[in-house]
Protein backbone atom coordinates (compact mmCIF):
# COMPACT_ATOMS: atom_id res chain seq x y z
CA MET A 1 0.00 0.00 0.00
CA SER A 2 1.34 3.46 -0.90
CA THR A 3 1.97 6.09 1.76
CA PHE A 4 -0.69 8.26 0.11
CA ARG A 5 -3.35 5.52 0.30
CA ALA A 6 -2.36 4.70 3.89
CA SER A 7 -2.64 8.34 4.94
CA ARG A 8 -6.03 8.66 3.19
CA LYS A 9 -7.24 5.56 5.04
CA ALA A 10 -5.93 6.93 8.37
CA GLY A 11 -7.55 10.27 7.61
CA SER A 12 -10.87 8.57 6.95
CA ARG A 13 -10.65 6.72 10.25
CA LEU A 14 -9.79 9.99 12.06
CA LYS A 15 -12.78 11.75 10.46
CA ALA A 16 -15.02 8.88 11.50
CA LEU A 17 -13.65 9.03 15.04
CA VAL A 18 -14.14 12.80 15.24
CA GLY A 19 -17.67 12.39 13.95
CA THR A 20 -18.42 9.72 16.52
CA LEU A 21 -16.99 11.86 19.33
CA ALA A 22 -18.97 14.86 18.15
CA LEU A 23 -22.17 12.81 18.17
CA ALA A 24 -21.35 11.40 21.59
CA THR A 25 -20.56 14.86 22.91
CA GLY A 26 -23.87 16.18 21.68
CA LEU A 27 -25.76 13.30 23.24
CA MET A 28 -23.91 13.59 26.56
CA ALA A 29 -24.36 17.34 26.73
CA SER A 30 -28.07 17.04 26.04
CA SER A 31 -28.48 14.41 28.76
CA GLY A 32 -26.43 16.36 31.33
CA ALA A 33 -23.70 13.70 31.39
CA PHE A 34 -21.02 16.40 31.40
CA ALA A 35 -21.95 17.46 34.92
CA GLU A 36 -19.77 19.42 37.30
CA LYS A 37 -18.07 17.01 39.73
CA LEU A 38 -18.33 18.10 43.37
CA THR A 39 -17.54 16.27 46.59
CA ILE A 40 -19.53 16.94 49.75
CA ILE A 41 -18.77 15.34 53.10
CA VAL A 42 -21.60 14.65 55.57
CA GLY A 43 -21.12 14.48 59.32
CA GLY A 44 -23.03 11.20 59.61
CA MET A 45 -25.05 10.16 56.54
CA GLU A 46 -27.35 7.85 58.51
CA LYS A 47 -28.49 10.60 60.90
CA GLN A 48 -31.92 12.05 60.23
CA ILE A 49 -30.59 15.54 60.98
CA TYR A 50 -28.56 15.29 57.75
CA LEU A 51 -31.32 13.63 55.75
CA PRO A 52 -31.53 16.47 53.16
CA ALA A 53 -28.14 15.50 51.68
CA ALA A 54 -29.03 11.95 50.67
CA LEU A 55 -32.62 12.91 49.87
CA THR A 56 -31.44 15.52 47.37
CA ARG A 57 -29.39 12.85 45.63
CA GLU A 58 -32.22 10.29 45.68
CA LEU A 59 -34.71 12.80 44.25
CA GLY A 60 -32.33 13.55 41.38
CA TYR A 61 -32.12 17.26 42.15
CA PHE A 62 -28.33 17.41 41.82
CA LYS A 63 -28.56 15.96 38.32
CA ASP A 64 -31.37 18.36 37.45
CA GLU A 65 -28.88 21.17 38.10
CA GLY A 66 -26.25 19.50 35.90
CA LEU A 67 -24.13 18.50 38.90
CA ASP A 68 -22.31 15.27 39.61
CA VAL A 69 -22.18 15.19 43.41
CA GLU A 70 -20.40 12.58 45.47
CA LEU A 71 -21.51 12.35 49.11
CA ILE A 72 -18.89 11.07 51.55
CA ASN A 73 -19.69 9.89 55.05
CA SER A 74 -17.79 10.83 58.21
CA ARG A 75 -18.25 9.91 61.86
CA ALA A 76 -18.64 13.46 63.17
CA GLY A 77 -18.97 17.05 62.05
CA VAL A 78 -15.50 17.97 63.28
CA GLU A 79 -13.98 15.35 60.93
CA ALA A 80 -15.96 16.80 58.02
CA GLU A 81 -14.81 20.30 58.94
CA ASN A 82 -11.17 19.20 58.92
CA GLU A 83 -11.54 17.63 55.47
CA LEU A 84 -12.98 20.91 54.15
CA LEU A 85 -10.17 22.99 55.63
CA ALA A 86 -7.65 20.59 54.10
CA GLY A 87 -9.19 21.17 50.67
CA ALA A 88 -10.14 17.50 50.29
CA VAL A 89 -13.83 18.31 49.66
CA HIS A 90 -15.84 21.20 48.24
CA GLY A 91 -18.46 21.50 50.99
CA VAL A 92 -19.83 20.09 54.23
CA VAL A 93 -23.26 19.10 55.44
CA GLY A 94 -22.77 19.77 59.14
CA PHE A 95 -23.76 22.08 61.97
CA TYR A 96 -23.73 25.83 61.45
CA ASP A 97 -21.97 26.42 64.79
CA HIS A 98 -18.65 25.37 63.20
CA THR A 99 -18.67 28.57 61.13
CA ILE A 100 -18.61 30.65 64.32
CA ASP A 101 -16.11 28.46 66.15
CA LEU A 102 -13.69 28.61 63.23
CA GLN A 103 -14.05 32.35 62.64
CA ALA A 104 -12.73 32.75 66.19
CA LYS A 105 -9.67 30.81 64.97
CA GLY A 106 -9.24 33.01 61.89
CA LYS A 107 -10.83 30.63 59.37
CA PHE A 108 -13.88 31.63 57.32
CA LEU A 109 -16.66 29.23 56.41
CA LYS A 110 -20.09 30.27 55.22
CA SER A 111 -23.44 28.49 55.39
CA ILE A 112 -25.33 28.96 52.13
CA VAL A 113 -28.35 26.74 52.85
CA GLN A 114 -29.77 26.24 56.34
CA PHE A 115 -31.41 22.82 56.69
CA SER A 116 -32.63 23.05 60.28
CA GLN A 117 -33.78 25.45 62.95
CA ALA A 118 -33.27 22.99 65.82
CA PRO A 119 -30.40 20.57 66.54
CA GLY A 120 -32.51 17.41 66.30
CA GLU A 121 -30.36 16.11 69.17
CA VAL A 122 -31.43 14.43 72.39
CA GLN A 123 -29.44 14.06 75.59
CA LEU A 124 -30.16 10.49 76.63
CA VAL A 125 -29.44 8.93 80.00
CA SER A 126 -28.88 5.22 80.53
CA THR A 127 -31.93 3.72 82.22
CA LYS A 128 -29.53 2.33 84.82
CA TYR A 129 -28.73 5.89 85.93
CA ALA A 130 -32.08 7.58 85.28
CA ASP A 131 -32.79 7.94 89.00
CA GLU A 132 -29.40 9.56 89.59
CA ILE A 133 -29.09 11.83 86.53
CA LYS A 134 -32.24 13.94 86.40
CA SER A 135 -30.76 17.14 84.93
CA PRO A 136 -27.45 18.37 83.47
CA ALA A 137 -26.46 19.42 87.00
CA ASP A 138 -26.11 15.70 87.73
CA PHE A 139 -23.41 15.23 85.06
CA LYS A 140 -20.78 15.76 87.75
CA GLY A 141 -18.38 12.81 87.87
CA ARG A 142 -20.04 11.16 84.85
CA THR A 143 -18.77 10.17 81.41
CA LEU A 144 -20.86 11.70 78.62
CA GLY A 145 -20.95 10.44 75.04
CA VAL A 146 -20.46 12.79 72.07
CA THR A 147 -19.87 12.03 68.41
CA GLY A 148 -16.39 13.56 68.47
CA LEU A 149 -14.38 16.07 70.49
CA GLY A 150 -14.88 19.48 68.91
CA SER A 151 -18.14 18.33 67.33
CA SER A 152 -21.50 20.04 67.75
CA THR A 153 -22.62 17.40 70.25
CA ASP A 154 -19.50 18.35 72.22
CA PHE A 155 -20.52 22.05 72.07
CA LEU A 156 -24.12 21.41 73.10
CA THR A 157 -23.23 18.97 75.89
CA ARG A 158 -20.78 21.44 77.40
CA TYR A 159 -23.38 24.20 77.21
CA LEU A 160 -26.02 22.08 78.97
CA ALA A 161 -23.46 21.25 81.67
CA SER A 162 -22.56 24.93 82.09
CA ARG A 163 -26.24 25.81 82.46
CA GLY A 164 -26.36 23.17 85.15
CA GLY A 165 -23.63 25.01 87.03
CA LEU A 166 -20.76 22.67 86.14
CA LYS A 167 -17.21 23.42 84.99
CA ALA A 168 -15.27 21.55 82.30
CA GLY A 169 -13.36 19.39 84.78
CA ASP A 170 -16.52 18.19 86.53
CA TYR A 171 -17.31 15.56 83.86
CA THR A 172 -15.64 13.61 81.06
CA LEU A 173 -16.53 13.72 77.38
CA LEU A 174 -15.98 10.51 75.41
CA PRO A 175 -16.16 10.42 71.59
CA VAL A 176 -18.30 7.41 70.69
CA GLY A 177 -19.68 8.31 67.27
CA ALA A 178 -23.32 7.54 66.52
CA GLY A 179 -25.48 4.54 65.72
CA ASN A 180 -24.11 1.17 66.79
CA THR A 181 -21.00 2.59 68.44
CA PHE A 182 -23.07 4.95 70.58
CA ILE A 183 -25.46 2.14 71.52
CA ALA A 184 -22.57 -0.17 72.43
CA ALA A 185 -20.96 2.52 74.61
CA MET A 186 -24.17 2.93 76.58
CA LYS A 187 -24.77 -0.83 76.85
CA GLN A 188 -21.22 -1.40 78.13
CA ASP A 189 -21.48 1.45 80.66
CA GLN A 190 -18.68 3.39 78.98
CA ILE A 191 -21.05 6.38 79.09
CA GLN A 192 -23.86 7.09 81.53
CA SER A 193 -25.42 9.76 79.34
CA GLY A 194 -24.88 10.98 75.81
CA MET A 195 -26.13 13.14 72.97
CA THR A 196 -27.35 11.57 69.74
CA THR A 197 -29.95 11.77 66.98
CA GLU A 198 -32.56 9.67 65.21
CA PRO A 199 -32.62 6.81 64.40
CA THR A 200 -30.32 5.99 67.35
CA ILE A 201 -32.71 7.70 69.77
CA GLY A 202 -35.62 5.52 68.70
CA GLN A 203 -33.56 2.33 68.92
CA LEU A 204 -32.47 2.97 72.51
CA LEU A 205 -35.93 4.06 73.63
CA LYS A 206 -37.54 1.02 72.02
CA THR A 207 -35.24 -1.40 73.87
CA GLY A 208 -35.64 0.51 77.11
CA GLN A 209 -31.91 1.06 77.46
CA ALA A 210 -32.19 4.84 77.69
CA LYS A 211 -34.51 7.67 78.64
CA ILE A 212 -34.75 11.25 77.40
CA LEU A 213 -33.10 13.88 79.58
CA VAL A 214 -33.07 16.94 77.26
CA ASP A 215 -34.98 16.97 73.96
CA MET A 216 -33.97 19.39 71.19
CA ARG A 217 -35.86 17.92 68.24
CA THR A 218 -38.28 20.81 67.72
CA PRO A 219 -37.83 24.61 67.75
CA GLU A 220 -40.02 24.92 70.85
CA MET A 221 -38.08 22.36 72.89
CA THR A 222 -34.81 23.82 71.64
CA ALA A 223 -35.80 27.31 72.82
CA ALA A 224 -36.56 25.86 76.26
CA ALA A 225 -33.17 24.14 76.43
CA LEU A 226 -30.95 26.73 74.76
CA GLY A 227 -32.81 30.01 75.04
CA GLY A 228 -33.76 30.50 71.39
CA PRO A 229 -33.72 29.00 67.89
CA TYR A 230 -30.56 27.04 67.16
CA PRO A 231 -29.79 26.74 63.43
CA ALA A 232 -27.98 23.42 63.16
CA ALA A 233 -27.67 21.22 60.06
CA SER A 234 -26.56 23.31 57.11
CA PHE A 235 -24.52 23.26 53.93
CA TYR A 236 -21.36 25.29 54.34
CA VAL A 237 -18.25 25.95 52.26
CA GLN A 238 -15.02 27.88 52.56
CA GLN A 239 -15.41 31.57 51.70
CA SER A 240 -12.51 31.32 49.25
CA TRP A 241 -14.28 28.53 47.32
CA LEU A 242 -17.54 30.47 47.34
CA ASP A 243 -15.86 33.56 45.88
CA ALA A 244 -14.37 31.48 43.06
CA HIS A 245 -17.39 29.26 42.33
CA PRO A 246 -20.63 31.26 42.70
CA ASP A 247 -22.33 29.39 39.83
CA GLU A 248 -21.71 25.96 41.35
CA ALA A 249 -22.82 27.28 44.75
CA GLN A 250 -26.05 28.53 43.22
CA LYS A 251 -26.78 25.19 41.58
CA LEU A 252 -26.23 23.39 44.87
CA ALA A 253 -28.50 25.86 46.65
CA ASN A 254 -31.19 25.35 44.00
CA ALA A 255 -31.08 21.58 44.54
CA PHE A 256 -31.15 21.80 48.34
CA VAL A 257 -33.98 24.35 48.42
CA LYS A 258 -36.11 22.04 46.28
CA THR A 259 -35.42 19.30 48.82
CA MET A 260 -36.45 21.46 51.78
CA ARG A 261 -39.72 22.19 50.02
CA PHE A 262 -40.20 18.48 49.39
CA ILE A 263 -39.69 17.71 53.09
CA ALA A 264 -42.16 20.43 54.09
CA SER A 265 -44.85 19.19 51.71
CA HIS A 266 -44.57 15.42 52.22
CA SER A 267 -45.24 13.06 55.12
CA ALA A 268 -42.55 11.22 57.06
CA ALA A 269 -43.61 7.98 55.35
CA GLU A 270 -43.34 9.55 51.88
CA ILE A 271 -39.89 10.90 52.69
CA ALA A 272 -38.75 7.56 54.09
CA ASP A 273 -39.85 5.84 50.88
CA LYS A 274 -37.28 7.92 48.98
CA MET A 275 -34.38 7.09 51.28
CA PRO A 276 -31.97 4.17 50.81
CA LYS A 277 -33.21 1.12 52.73
CA ASP A 278 -30.05 0.78 54.83
CA TYR A 279 -30.86 4.11 56.45
CA TYR A 280 -33.78 2.43 58.25
CA VAL A 281 -31.33 0.33 60.30
CA GLY A 282 -33.61 -2.66 59.85
CA ASP A 283 -36.77 -0.95 61.15
CA LYS A 284 -38.56 1.33 58.69
CA ASP A 285 -41.55 1.87 61.00
CA LEU A 286 -39.25 3.10 63.76
CA TYR A 287 -37.45 5.35 61.27
CA ILE A 288 -40.79 6.92 60.26
CA GLN A 289 -41.87 7.17 63.88
CA GLY A 290 -38.80 9.27 64.66
CA LEU A 291 -39.04 11.38 61.51
CA ALA A 292 -42.73 12.31 61.95
CA PRO A 293 -42.17 14.71 64.89
CA GLY A 294 -38.56 15.33 63.86
CA LYS A 295 -39.66 16.99 60.62
CA ALA A 296 -40.29 20.12 62.68
CA GLN A 297 -36.54 20.69 62.96
CA PHE A 298 -36.19 21.38 59.23
CA THR A 299 -36.59 24.80 57.64
CA PRO A 300 -39.24 24.87 54.89
CA ASP A 301 -37.11 26.96 52.53
CA GLY A 302 -33.43 26.73 53.48
CA ARG A 303 -33.36 30.16 55.13
CA MET A 304 -31.56 31.07 58.33
CA PRO A 305 -34.07 31.42 61.19
CA LYS A 306 -34.42 34.88 62.69
CA ASP A 307 -32.15 35.42 65.70
CA GLY A 308 -30.66 31.95 65.18
CA PRO A 309 -27.00 33.00 64.73
CA GLU A 310 -27.21 35.12 67.88
CA THR A 311 -28.39 32.10 69.91
CA VAL A 312 -25.55 29.96 68.59
CA LEU A 313 -22.99 32.64 69.43
CA LYS A 314 -24.42 32.98 72.94
CA VAL A 315 -24.19 29.21 73.46
CA LEU A 316 -20.56 29.06 72.31
CA GLN A 317 -19.56 32.11 74.36
CA ALA A 318 -20.82 30.39 77.50
CA PHE A 319 -18.03 27.80 77.52
CA ALA A 320 -15.72 28.07 74.47
CA LYS A 321 -12.55 29.91 75.49
CA ASN A 322 -11.52 30.46 71.87
CA VAL A 323 -14.81 32.32 71.22
CA GLN A 324 -14.99 34.24 74.48
CA GLY A 325 -13.74 37.80 74.09
CA LYS A 326 -13.49 37.53 70.30
CA GLN A 327 -15.25 39.89 67.92
CA ILE A 328 -17.38 37.58 65.77
CA ASP A 329 -18.96 38.99 62.60
CA LEU A 330 -22.07 36.83 62.20
CA SER A 331 -22.76 38.29 58.75
CA LYS A 332 -19.67 36.46 57.52
CA THR A 333 -20.91 33.07 58.77
CA TYR A 334 -23.94 32.73 56.49
CA THR A 335 -25.66 34.20 53.46
CA THR A 336 -29.26 34.05 52.25
CA SER A 337 -28.50 35.32 48.73
CA PHE A 338 -28.27 31.87 47.11
CA VAL A 339 -31.47 30.69 48.80
CA ASP A 340 -33.22 33.91 47.72
CA ASN A 341 -32.10 33.34 44.13
CA ALA A 342 -33.34 29.75 44.28
CA ALA A 343 -36.73 30.91 45.55
CA LYS A 344 -37.02 33.35 42.63
CA ALA A 345 -36.13 30.62 40.16
CA LEU A 346 -38.78 28.35 41.70
CA GLY A 347 -41.41 31.05 41.43
CA ASN A 348 -41.56 32.60 44.90
């Protein structure tokens, strides 16, 4: 074969390949296959307080926005926060209070969608000690379970203890995670009391191994325990990333706001039907039973509750030495602009 004929044949193959790629590109673009890849870490995927993350994925709202989102699980919010600061992920689904705690340390995170207006947490006490531990004042000399040191359960437990008149050295905090590890710690008497969420709450109450000491699953009960609304589960990012990626941030906000509206307009059973089956921890009815009243913790639109940031700051200032005496600019810890834009796009 001559060089000319070989080159013509190669050229024909190249043209065919280019044509095929062009067709494939057109098809992929039209189907949204060329989505923006983003990684979000969640401070406990199985916890109902962080339900909006997985629900958004299951409802297909990320894909509707042309996003390819990977959700990564972590044991506690403080671990998720560290991954964000290290640049390993683009955003975190975790508690809003981390944005205030870290600003006091010179690091700037911003919540762009607020999932909840109450922590959704419950301080449980082992049934074995229910007659001895009747309020946070009785934490003295006890070991208390939290998801992780520096986590939001750590913050809230220390605040409850301080309201009970105790100092940091009067009790011990033990990081035990959530779910099975929390349950095991209580069963084995490693902790006498601890803070956790659904579905772990329901599991321990059903077996009779624990009783409720302080309930923060609704705005009303949260106000009684903490003195006001406590914005908790949120989607936050580093300010530097937000400045460089406003379009991606807006798409994420659009997806999450649609999810908050879905939660507000559907029953606990309908929401549970959309969730992966392993989230039920083997008992779907118990999962629904916990979610039915727990729905009240979620915001209907992703907006920051009025006076919420001030309550969180007050809670942290009560015990956190790194926050005490610091000038905290709350306006730099959250923004409603992306949620407002999403509401306009959705028609209101």
